[in-house]
Amino acid sequence: MLLKKPIMFVLSLTIATIAIFNCPMIFATPAEDSDITTGITALLISENDIPSNSISVSTKDRIVTLKGTVDTALQAHKAIEIASSVNGVIDVVDTQLKLKGSQSLIADSLITAKVKGKIRYLYTSEKIVDGYDLHVETTDHVVHIFGKVAREADLDTVVAAAKEVKGVKSVKTNIKV
């Protein structure tokens, strides 16, 4: 029984040594953290459907924290994707990124389903071409569409169709051609 404690100590010391010498440097200079924060903030500002003042970005030792409130889960996912894509980022903490609550959840779900149905109709009736990949979400009767289409004309067609759905207040997009 006396032998177990020294073996456990040596084993713990060995594991700690391996962890220390095999892990990449996690500390960053304030300038590196600042560059990461600036890069992510610039990318978020360039997104059409993410209000530029809705998310604040901070970085400590290359770990990014996103804080704020966005309208849709699509916006939150896109913000996390953008932050994760910046060179030097080790991790993105999103626990302080909140979704705005919808005042009309059932109506919003129905609008989303109707817009998706319209997009499917546009494709099956050959009003938009193959190669589209669109994601739709609605909050408080505002439709948000993310993704891509094959042609510029398809973008206009999709937006016009979404606006035709009864109950839609407005359509916000981040659709790439």
N, C-alpha and C. Protein backbone atom coordinates (compact mmCIF):
# COMPACT_ATOMS: atom_id res chain seq x y z
N MET A 1 0.82 -1.19 0.00
CA MET A 1 0.00 0.00 0.00
C MET A 1 0.86 1.26 0.00
N LEU A 2 2.00 1.22 0.62
CA LEU A 2 2.88 2.37 0.65
C LEU A 2 3.45 2.68 -0.72
N LEU A 3 3.55 1.68 -1.57
CA LEU A 3 4.13 1.86 -2.88
C LEU A 3 3.19 2.61 -3.84
N LYS A 4 1.88 2.52 -3.65
CA LYS A 4 0.93 3.14 -4.57
C LYS A 4 1.06 4.66 -4.62
N LYS A 5 1.25 5.33 -3.51
CA LYS A 5 1.31 6.80 -3.51
C LYS A 5 2.50 7.32 -4.31
N PRO A 6 3.73 6.80 -4.14
CA PRO A 6 4.82 7.31 -4.98
C PRO A 6 4.58 7.06 -6.46
N ILE A 7 4.00 5.91 -6.82
CA ILE A 7 3.71 5.62 -8.23
C ILE A 7 2.68 6.61 -8.77
N MET A 8 1.63 6.91 -8.00
CA MET A 8 0.61 7.86 -8.43
C MET A 8 1.22 9.25 -8.60
N PHE A 9 2.13 9.65 -7.70
CA PHE A 9 2.78 10.95 -7.80
C PHE A 9 3.62 11.03 -9.06
N VAL A 10 4.41 9.98 -9.34
CA VAL A 10 5.24 9.96 -10.54
C VAL A 10 4.36 9.97 -11.79
N LEU A 11 3.27 9.21 -11.78
CA LEU A 11 2.35 9.16 -12.92
C LEU A 11 1.72 10.54 -13.14
N SER A 12 1.28 11.20 -12.08
CA SER A 12 0.69 12.53 -12.20
C SER A 12 1.70 13.53 -12.72
N LEU A 13 2.93 13.47 -12.21
CA LEU A 13 3.99 14.36 -12.66
C LEU A 13 4.31 14.13 -14.13
N THR A 14 4.31 12.88 -14.57
CA THR A 14 4.59 12.55 -15.97
C THR A 14 3.48 13.09 -16.88
N ILE A 15 2.25 12.90 -16.49
CA ILE A 15 1.11 13.39 -17.30
C ILE A 15 1.16 14.91 -17.39
N ALA A 16 1.45 15.57 -16.28
CA ALA A 16 1.53 17.03 -16.28
C ALA A 16 2.67 17.51 -17.18
N THR A 17 3.79 16.84 -17.14
CA THR A 17 4.93 17.21 -17.98
C THR A 17 4.60 17.04 -19.45
N ILE A 18 3.96 15.93 -19.80
CA ILE A 18 3.56 15.70 -21.20
C ILE A 18 2.59 16.79 -21.65
N ALA A 19 1.62 17.11 -20.80
CA ALA A 19 0.62 18.12 -21.16
C ALA A 19 1.27 19.48 -21.37
N ILE A 20 2.22 19.85 -20.53
CA ILE A 20 2.86 21.15 -20.63
C ILE A 20 3.71 21.25 -21.89
N PHE A 21 4.49 20.23 -22.18
CA PHE A 21 5.42 20.33 -23.31
C PHE A 21 4.81 19.98 -24.66
N ASN A 22 3.65 19.36 -24.69
CA ASN A 22 3.03 19.00 -25.96
C ASN A 22 1.92 19.96 -26.37
N CYS A 23 1.52 20.88 -25.51
CA CYS A 23 0.45 21.79 -25.89
C CYS A 23 1.04 23.04 -26.54
N PRO A 24 0.31 23.64 -27.48
CA PRO A 24 0.80 24.87 -28.10
C PRO A 24 0.72 26.02 -27.11
N MET A 25 1.51 27.05 -27.37
CA MET A 25 1.49 28.21 -26.51
C MET A 25 0.10 28.84 -26.53
N ILE A 26 -0.51 29.02 -25.37
CA ILE A 26 -1.86 29.57 -25.34
C ILE A 26 -1.89 31.04 -24.97
N PHE A 27 -0.78 31.57 -24.51
CA PHE A 27 -0.75 32.98 -24.14
C PHE A 27 -0.49 33.82 -25.38
N ALA A 28 -1.16 34.94 -25.44
CA ALA A 28 -0.98 35.85 -26.56
C ALA A 28 -0.63 37.23 -26.03
N THR A 29 0.03 38.01 -26.86
CA THR A 29 0.33 39.38 -26.47
C THR A 29 -0.95 40.20 -26.60
N PRO A 30 -1.03 41.32 -25.90
CA PRO A 30 -2.20 42.19 -26.07
C PRO A 30 -2.40 42.62 -27.53
N ALA A 31 -1.31 42.81 -28.26
CA ALA A 31 -1.43 43.20 -29.68
C ALA A 31 -2.06 42.08 -30.50
N GLU A 32 -1.68 40.83 -30.24
CA GLU A 32 -2.27 39.70 -30.98
C GLU A 32 -3.76 39.60 -30.68
N ASP A 33 -4.12 39.72 -29.40
CA ASP A 33 -5.53 39.68 -29.03
C ASP A 33 -6.30 40.83 -29.67
N SER A 34 -5.69 42.01 -29.69
CA SER A 34 -6.33 43.18 -30.29
C SER A 34 -6.55 42.97 -31.79
N ASP A 35 -5.56 42.40 -32.47
CA ASP A 35 -5.69 42.12 -33.91
C ASP A 35 -6.84 41.15 -34.17
N ILE A 36 -6.94 40.13 -33.34
CA ILE A 36 -8.03 39.16 -33.50
C ILE A 36 -9.37 39.84 -33.31
N THR A 37 -9.49 40.63 -32.25
CA THR A 37 -10.75 41.35 -31.97
C THR A 37 -11.12 42.28 -33.12
N THR A 38 -10.15 43.04 -33.61
CA THR A 38 -10.38 43.97 -34.71
C THR A 38 -10.81 43.22 -35.97
N GLY A 39 -10.16 42.11 -36.27
CA GLY A 39 -10.50 41.33 -37.46
C GLY A 39 -11.91 40.78 -37.40
N ILE A 40 -12.29 40.23 -36.26
CA ILE A 40 -13.63 39.67 -36.11
C ILE A 40 -14.68 40.77 -36.19
N THR A 41 -14.42 41.88 -35.51
CA THR A 41 -15.38 43.00 -35.53
C THR A 41 -15.60 43.49 -36.96
N ALA A 42 -14.53 43.61 -37.73
CA ALA A 42 -14.65 44.06 -39.13
C ALA A 42 -15.48 43.08 -39.95
N LEU A 43 -15.25 41.79 -39.75
CA LEU A 43 -16.01 40.79 -40.49
C LEU A 43 -17.48 40.81 -40.10
N LEU A 44 -17.78 41.00 -38.82
CA LEU A 44 -19.17 41.06 -38.38
C LEU A 44 -19.88 42.28 -38.96
N ILE A 45 -19.17 43.40 -39.03
CA ILE A 45 -19.76 44.62 -39.61
C ILE A 45 -20.11 44.41 -41.08
N SER A 46 -19.32 43.60 -41.78
CA SER A 46 -19.57 43.39 -43.21
C SER A 46 -20.73 42.43 -43.48
N GLU A 47 -21.26 41.78 -42.46
CA GLU A 47 -22.39 40.87 -42.64
C GLU A 47 -23.68 41.67 -42.76
N ASN A 48 -24.44 41.43 -43.81
CA ASN A 48 -25.66 42.19 -44.07
C ASN A 48 -26.72 42.02 -43.00
N ASP A 49 -26.88 40.83 -42.47
CA ASP A 49 -28.02 40.57 -41.59
C ASP A 49 -27.64 40.47 -40.11
N ILE A 50 -26.45 40.92 -39.76
CA ILE A 50 -26.08 40.98 -38.35
C ILE A 50 -25.87 42.45 -38.01
N PRO A 51 -26.77 43.03 -37.21
CA PRO A 51 -26.60 44.44 -36.85
C PRO A 51 -25.22 44.66 -36.21
N SER A 52 -24.47 45.60 -36.72
CA SER A 52 -23.08 45.78 -36.31
C SER A 52 -22.93 46.13 -34.83
N ASN A 53 -23.94 46.70 -34.23
CA ASN A 53 -23.84 47.07 -32.82
C ASN A 53 -24.44 46.02 -31.88
N SER A 54 -24.86 44.89 -32.41
CA SER A 54 -25.53 43.89 -31.57
C SER A 54 -24.57 42.92 -30.88
N ILE A 55 -23.33 42.83 -31.35
CA ILE A 55 -22.37 41.89 -30.77
C ILE A 55 -21.08 42.62 -30.44
N SER A 56 -20.63 42.45 -29.21
CA SER A 56 -19.31 42.96 -28.85
C SER A 56 -18.35 41.78 -28.81
N VAL A 57 -17.10 42.07 -29.16
CA VAL A 57 -16.08 41.04 -29.26
C VAL A 57 -14.94 41.39 -28.32
N SER A 58 -14.49 40.40 -27.55
CA SER A 58 -13.29 40.59 -26.74
C SER A 58 -12.43 39.34 -26.87
N THR A 59 -11.13 39.51 -26.73
CA THR A 59 -10.20 38.39 -26.89
C THR A 59 -9.18 38.42 -25.76
N LYS A 60 -8.95 37.27 -25.17
CA LYS A 60 -7.94 37.11 -24.13
C LYS A 60 -7.21 35.80 -24.39
N ASP A 61 -5.91 35.89 -24.63
CA ASP A 61 -5.09 34.71 -24.94
C ASP A 61 -5.68 33.89 -26.08
N ARG A 62 -6.11 34.59 -27.13
CA ARG A 62 -6.64 34.02 -28.37
C ARG A 62 -7.97 33.30 -28.20
N ILE A 63 -8.61 33.49 -27.05
CA ILE A 63 -9.96 32.95 -26.82
C ILE A 63 -10.92 34.12 -26.94
N VAL A 64 -11.85 34.01 -27.87
CA VAL A 64 -12.78 35.09 -28.21
C VAL A 64 -14.08 34.92 -27.43
N THR A 65 -14.58 36.01 -26.90
CA THR A 65 -15.89 36.01 -26.25
C THR A 65 -16.81 36.92 -27.05
N LEU A 66 -17.96 36.37 -27.43
CA LEU A 66 -18.99 37.14 -28.13
C LEU A 66 -20.09 37.45 -27.13
N LYS A 67 -20.50 38.71 -27.08
CA LYS A 67 -21.51 39.14 -26.12
C LYS A 67 -22.51 40.02 -26.83
N GLY A 68 -23.79 39.79 -26.57
CA GLY A 68 -24.82 40.62 -27.15
C GLY A 68 -26.08 39.84 -27.43
N THR A 69 -26.99 40.47 -28.14
CA THR A 69 -28.27 39.86 -28.47
C THR A 69 -28.48 39.95 -29.98
N VAL A 70 -28.85 38.83 -30.58
CA VAL A 70 -29.15 38.78 -32.00
C VAL A 70 -30.58 38.31 -32.19
N ASP A 71 -31.12 38.54 -33.37
CA ASP A 71 -32.52 38.22 -33.64
C ASP A 71 -32.77 36.73 -33.85
N THR A 72 -31.80 36.03 -34.46
CA THR A 72 -32.05 34.64 -34.83
C THR A 72 -30.86 33.74 -34.49
N ALA A 73 -31.15 32.45 -34.41
CA ALA A 73 -30.09 31.46 -34.22
C ALA A 73 -29.14 31.47 -35.41
N LEU A 74 -29.67 31.74 -36.61
CA LEU A 74 -28.82 31.82 -37.80
C LEU A 74 -27.77 32.91 -37.63
N GLN A 75 -28.16 34.05 -37.08
CA GLN A 75 -27.21 35.13 -36.85
C GLN A 75 -26.16 34.71 -35.83
N ALA A 76 -26.58 34.05 -34.76
CA ALA A 76 -25.64 33.59 -33.74
C ALA A 76 -24.65 32.59 -34.33
N HIS A 77 -25.16 31.64 -35.11
CA HIS A 77 -24.28 30.65 -35.74
C HIS A 77 -23.29 31.31 -36.68
N LYS A 78 -23.75 32.27 -37.45
CA LYS A 78 -22.88 32.97 -38.38
C LYS A 78 -21.79 33.75 -37.63
N ALA A 79 -22.15 34.40 -36.53
CA ALA A 79 -21.17 35.16 -35.74
C ALA A 79 -20.10 34.22 -35.18
N ILE A 80 -20.52 33.08 -34.69
CA ILE A 80 -19.57 32.09 -34.15
C ILE A 80 -18.68 31.56 -35.27
N GLU A 81 -19.27 31.28 -36.41
CA GLU A 81 -18.50 30.80 -37.57
C GLU A 81 -17.45 31.83 -37.98
N ILE A 82 -17.85 33.09 -38.04
CA ILE A 82 -16.92 34.16 -38.42
C ILE A 82 -15.78 34.25 -37.42
N ALA A 83 -16.12 34.28 -36.14
CA ALA A 83 -15.08 34.40 -35.11
C ALA A 83 -14.13 33.20 -35.16
N SER A 84 -14.66 32.02 -35.37
CA SER A 84 -13.82 30.82 -35.42
C SER A 84 -12.91 30.79 -36.64
N SER A 85 -13.28 31.52 -37.67
CA SER A 85 -12.52 31.48 -38.92
C SER A 85 -11.29 32.39 -38.92
N VAL A 86 -11.15 33.24 -37.93
CA VAL A 86 -10.04 34.20 -37.91
C VAL A 86 -8.77 33.50 -37.43
N ASN A 87 -7.69 33.76 -38.14
CA ASN A 87 -6.40 33.15 -37.82
C ASN A 87 -5.98 33.48 -36.39
N GLY A 88 -5.54 32.45 -35.67
CA GLY A 88 -5.05 32.63 -34.31
C GLY A 88 -6.08 32.34 -33.23
N VAL A 89 -7.35 32.24 -33.60
CA VAL A 89 -8.39 31.99 -32.60
C VAL A 89 -8.32 30.53 -32.15
N ILE A 90 -8.23 30.34 -30.84
CA ILE A 90 -8.21 28.99 -30.27
C ILE A 90 -9.63 28.49 -30.01
N ASP A 91 -10.47 29.38 -29.48
CA ASP A 91 -11.83 28.98 -29.13
C ASP A 91 -12.72 30.21 -29.15
N VAL A 92 -14.04 29.97 -29.25
CA VAL A 92 -15.02 31.04 -29.19
C VAL A 92 -16.01 30.71 -28.08
N VAL A 93 -16.12 31.63 -27.14
CA VAL A 93 -17.06 31.47 -26.03
C VAL A 93 -18.32 32.23 -26.41
N ASP A 94 -19.44 31.51 -26.46
CA ASP A 94 -20.69 32.12 -26.90
C ASP A 94 -21.75 32.16 -25.80
N THR A 95 -21.37 31.91 -24.57
CA THR A 95 -22.35 31.84 -23.48
C THR A 95 -23.01 33.18 -23.18
N GLN A 96 -22.41 34.28 -23.64
CA GLN A 96 -23.00 35.59 -23.42
C GLN A 96 -23.69 36.13 -24.68
N LEU A 97 -23.84 35.27 -25.67
CA LEU A 97 -24.54 35.62 -26.91
C LEU A 97 -25.97 35.11 -26.79
N LYS A 98 -26.92 36.01 -26.76
CA LYS A 98 -28.32 35.68 -26.50
C LYS A 98 -29.18 35.89 -27.74
N LEU A 99 -30.29 35.15 -27.79
CA LEU A 99 -31.27 35.30 -28.86
C LEU A 99 -32.43 36.15 -28.37
N LYS A 100 -32.85 37.06 -29.23
CA LYS A 100 -34.02 37.88 -28.93
C LYS A 100 -35.23 36.96 -28.90
N GLY A 101 -36.05 37.11 -27.91
CA GLY A 101 -37.25 36.29 -27.82
C GLY A 101 -38.31 36.79 -28.78
N SER A 102 -38.96 35.87 -29.44
CA SER A 102 -40.04 36.23 -30.36
C SER A 102 -41.33 36.45 -29.57
N GLN A 103 -42.06 37.46 -29.94
CA GLN A 103 -43.35 37.73 -29.32
C GLN A 103 -44.46 36.90 -29.95
N SER A 104 -44.15 36.26 -31.09
CA SER A 104 -45.16 35.49 -31.81
C SER A 104 -44.53 34.23 -32.40
N LEU A 105 -44.12 33.33 -31.53
CA LEU A 105 -43.37 32.15 -31.93
C LEU A 105 -44.11 31.29 -32.95
N ILE A 106 -45.38 31.02 -32.73
CA ILE A 106 -46.13 30.15 -33.65
C ILE A 106 -46.29 30.85 -35.01
N ALA A 107 -46.66 32.12 -35.00
CA ALA A 107 -46.81 32.85 -36.27
C ALA A 107 -45.48 32.89 -37.01
N ASP A 108 -44.38 33.11 -36.28
CA ASP A 108 -43.06 33.13 -36.92
C ASP A 108 -42.72 31.78 -37.53
N SER A 109 -43.03 30.70 -36.85
CA SER A 109 -42.77 29.36 -37.39
C SER A 109 -43.56 29.12 -38.66
N LEU A 110 -44.80 29.57 -38.67
CA LEU A 110 -45.62 29.41 -39.88
C LEU A 110 -45.08 30.24 -41.04
N ILE A 111 -44.66 31.46 -40.75
CA ILE A 111 -44.07 32.30 -41.80
C ILE A 111 -42.82 31.63 -42.36
N THR A 112 -41.96 31.11 -41.48
CA THR A 112 -40.75 30.43 -41.94
C THR A 112 -41.11 29.27 -42.86
N ALA A 113 -42.08 28.47 -42.47
CA ALA A 113 -42.50 27.33 -43.29
C ALA A 113 -43.04 27.79 -44.65
N LYS A 114 -43.82 28.85 -44.65
CA LYS A 114 -44.38 29.36 -45.90
C LYS A 114 -43.29 29.90 -46.82
N VAL A 115 -42.31 30.61 -46.26
CA VAL A 115 -41.20 31.13 -47.08
C VAL A 115 -40.40 29.97 -47.65
N LYS A 116 -40.13 28.96 -46.85
CA LYS A 116 -39.41 27.78 -47.36
C LYS A 116 -40.21 27.11 -48.47
N GLY A 117 -41.52 27.05 -48.31
CA GLY A 117 -42.37 26.48 -49.36
C GLY A 117 -42.31 27.29 -50.64
N LYS A 118 -42.31 28.61 -50.49
CA LYS A 118 -42.19 29.49 -51.67
C LYS A 118 -40.87 29.26 -52.39
N ILE A 119 -39.78 29.11 -51.63
CA ILE A 119 -38.46 28.88 -52.24
C ILE A 119 -38.46 27.55 -52.97
N ARG A 120 -39.05 26.53 -52.37
CA ARG A 120 -39.14 25.23 -53.05
C ARG A 120 -39.95 25.36 -54.34
N TYR A 121 -41.06 26.10 -54.28
CA TYR A 121 -41.88 26.32 -55.48
C TYR A 121 -41.06 27.03 -56.56
N LEU A 122 -40.28 28.04 -56.16
CA LEU A 122 -39.46 28.77 -57.13
C LEU A 122 -38.51 27.83 -57.86
N TYR A 123 -37.97 26.87 -57.13
CA TYR A 123 -37.05 25.91 -57.74
C TYR A 123 -37.80 24.93 -58.64
N THR A 124 -38.88 24.35 -58.13
CA THR A 124 -39.59 23.34 -58.94
C THR A 124 -40.25 23.94 -60.17
N SER A 125 -40.57 25.23 -60.13
CA SER A 125 -41.16 25.88 -61.31
C SER A 125 -40.08 26.56 -62.15
N GLU A 126 -38.81 26.29 -61.84
CA GLU A 126 -37.65 26.78 -62.59
C GLU A 126 -37.55 28.30 -62.63
N LYS A 127 -38.01 28.95 -61.57
CA LYS A 127 -37.85 30.40 -61.46
C LYS A 127 -36.50 30.75 -60.83
N ILE A 128 -35.91 29.79 -60.10
CA ILE A 128 -34.53 29.90 -59.64
C ILE A 128 -33.83 28.61 -60.06
N VAL A 129 -32.53 28.67 -60.25
CA VAL A 129 -31.81 27.51 -60.75
C VAL A 129 -31.20 26.70 -59.61
N ASP A 130 -30.83 25.48 -59.96
CA ASP A 130 -30.18 24.59 -59.01
C ASP A 130 -28.90 25.24 -58.50
N GLY A 131 -28.50 24.87 -57.31
CA GLY A 131 -27.28 25.42 -56.74
C GLY A 131 -27.55 26.37 -55.60
N TYR A 132 -28.81 26.51 -55.21
CA TYR A 132 -29.11 27.38 -54.07
C TYR A 132 -28.99 26.58 -52.77
N ASP A 133 -28.63 27.27 -51.71
CA ASP A 133 -28.54 26.69 -50.37
C ASP A 133 -28.96 27.79 -49.41
N LEU A 134 -30.24 27.81 -49.07
CA LEU A 134 -30.79 28.90 -48.27
C LEU A 134 -31.34 28.40 -46.94
N HIS A 135 -31.18 29.22 -45.92
CA HIS A 135 -31.68 28.92 -44.58
C HIS A 135 -32.55 30.09 -44.15
N VAL A 136 -33.73 29.76 -43.62
CA VAL A 136 -34.72 30.78 -43.30
C VAL A 136 -35.08 30.70 -41.82
N GLU A 137 -35.21 31.87 -41.20
CA GLU A 137 -35.69 31.95 -39.83
C GLU A 137 -36.45 33.25 -39.68
N THR A 138 -37.49 33.25 -38.85
CA THR A 138 -38.33 34.43 -38.67
C THR A 138 -38.41 34.78 -37.19
N THR A 139 -38.27 36.06 -36.89
CA THR A 139 -38.44 36.58 -35.53
C THR A 139 -39.30 37.83 -35.61
N ASP A 140 -40.41 37.81 -34.88
CA ASP A 140 -41.35 38.93 -34.85
C ASP A 140 -41.74 39.39 -36.25
N HIS A 141 -42.06 38.43 -37.10
CA HIS A 141 -42.54 38.65 -38.46
C HIS A 141 -41.48 39.22 -39.41
N VAL A 142 -40.22 39.24 -38.98
CA VAL A 142 -39.12 39.66 -39.85
C VAL A 142 -38.41 38.39 -40.31
N VAL A 143 -38.37 38.18 -41.61
CA VAL A 143 -37.75 36.99 -42.19
C VAL A 143 -36.27 37.25 -42.43
N HIS A 144 -35.44 36.31 -41.98
CA HIS A 144 -34.00 36.36 -42.19
C HIS A 144 -33.63 35.19 -43.08
N ILE A 145 -32.94 35.47 -44.19
CA ILE A 145 -32.52 34.41 -45.12
C ILE A 145 -31.01 34.50 -45.29
N PHE A 146 -30.34 33.39 -45.01
CA PHE A 146 -28.89 33.26 -45.18
C PHE A 146 -28.63 32.21 -46.24
N GLY A 147 -27.48 32.29 -46.89
CA GLY A 147 -27.07 31.23 -47.80
C GLY A 147 -26.54 31.75 -49.10
N LYS A 148 -26.79 30.93 -50.16
CA LYS A 148 -26.27 31.30 -51.47
C LYS A 148 -27.25 30.89 -52.56
N VAL A 149 -27.18 31.63 -53.65
CA VAL A 149 -27.93 31.30 -54.86
C VAL A 149 -26.96 31.34 -56.03
N ALA A 150 -27.37 30.76 -57.13
CA ALA A 150 -26.48 30.65 -58.29
C ALA A 150 -26.40 31.94 -59.11
N ARG A 151 -27.49 32.72 -59.12
CA ARG A 151 -27.52 33.92 -59.97
C ARG A 151 -28.06 35.11 -59.20
N GLU A 152 -27.67 36.29 -59.62
CA GLU A 152 -28.16 37.53 -59.02
C GLU A 152 -29.68 37.63 -59.14
N ALA A 153 -30.22 37.21 -60.27
CA ALA A 153 -31.67 37.25 -60.48
C ALA A 153 -32.39 36.37 -59.47
N ASP A 154 -31.76 35.26 -59.07
CA ASP A 154 -32.37 34.37 -58.08
C ASP A 154 -32.51 35.06 -56.72
N LEU A 155 -31.55 35.88 -56.38
CA LEU A 155 -31.60 36.62 -55.12
C LEU A 155 -32.84 37.50 -55.08
N ASP A 156 -33.05 38.27 -56.12
CA ASP A 156 -34.21 39.16 -56.19
C ASP A 156 -35.52 38.38 -56.18
N THR A 157 -35.55 37.25 -56.87
CA THR A 157 -36.74 36.42 -56.94
C THR A 157 -37.09 35.85 -55.57
N VAL A 158 -36.10 35.38 -54.83
CA VAL A 158 -36.32 34.81 -53.50
C VAL A 158 -36.84 35.88 -52.54
N VAL A 159 -36.22 37.05 -52.56
CA VAL A 159 -36.64 38.13 -51.66
C VAL A 159 -38.07 38.56 -51.98
N ALA A 160 -38.38 38.71 -53.25
CA ALA A 160 -39.74 39.11 -53.65
C ALA A 160 -40.76 38.06 -53.20
N ALA A 161 -40.44 36.80 -53.35
CA ALA A 161 -41.36 35.74 -52.93
C ALA A 161 -41.57 35.75 -51.42
N ALA A 162 -40.51 35.98 -50.67
CA ALA A 162 -40.63 36.01 -49.20
C ALA A 162 -41.51 37.19 -48.77
N LYS A 163 -41.38 38.32 -49.43
CA LYS A 163 -42.17 39.50 -49.09
C LYS A 163 -43.66 39.29 -49.37
N GLU A 164 -43.99 38.38 -50.28
CA GLU A 164 -45.38 38.10 -50.62
C GLU A 164 -46.12 37.31 -49.55
N VAL A 165 -45.39 36.64 -48.67
CA VAL A 165 -46.02 35.81 -47.65
C VAL A 165 -46.77 36.70 -46.66
N LYS A 166 -48.04 36.34 -46.42
CA LYS A 166 -48.89 37.12 -45.53
C LYS A 166 -48.28 37.14 -44.12
N GLY A 167 -48.20 38.34 -43.54
CA GLY A 167 -47.69 38.50 -42.18
C GLY A 167 -46.23 38.93 -42.11
N VAL A 168 -45.52 38.92 -43.25
CA VAL A 168 -44.11 39.31 -43.25
C VAL A 168 -44.00 40.83 -43.19
N LYS A 169 -43.29 41.32 -42.16
CA LYS A 169 -43.06 42.77 -42.03
C LYS A 169 -41.93 43.22 -42.94
N SER A 170 -40.83 42.43 -42.94
CA SER A 170 -39.69 42.76 -43.79
C SER A 170 -38.84 41.52 -43.98
N VAL A 171 -37.92 41.62 -44.93
CA VAL A 171 -37.02 40.51 -45.24
C VAL A 171 -35.60 41.05 -45.16
N LYS A 172 -34.77 40.37 -44.36
CA LYS A 172 -33.36 40.70 -44.25
C LYS A 172 -32.57 39.52 -44.78
N THR A 173 -31.55 39.83 -45.57
CA THR A 173 -30.81 38.74 -46.20
C THR A 173 -29.30 38.86 -45.99
N ASN A 174 -28.69 37.74 -46.10
CA ASN A 174 -27.25 37.64 -46.24
C ASN A 174 -27.05 36.49 -47.22
N ILE A 175 -27.38 36.76 -48.47
CA ILE A 175 -27.34 35.76 -49.52
C ILE A 175 -26.19 36.10 -50.46
N LYS A 176 -25.31 35.16 -50.64
CA LYS A 176 -24.18 35.31 -51.56
C LYS A 176 -24.56 34.72 -52.92
N VAL A 177 -24.02 35.33 -53.96
CA VAL A 177 -24.26 34.83 -55.32
C VAL A 177 -23.02 34.07 -55.77
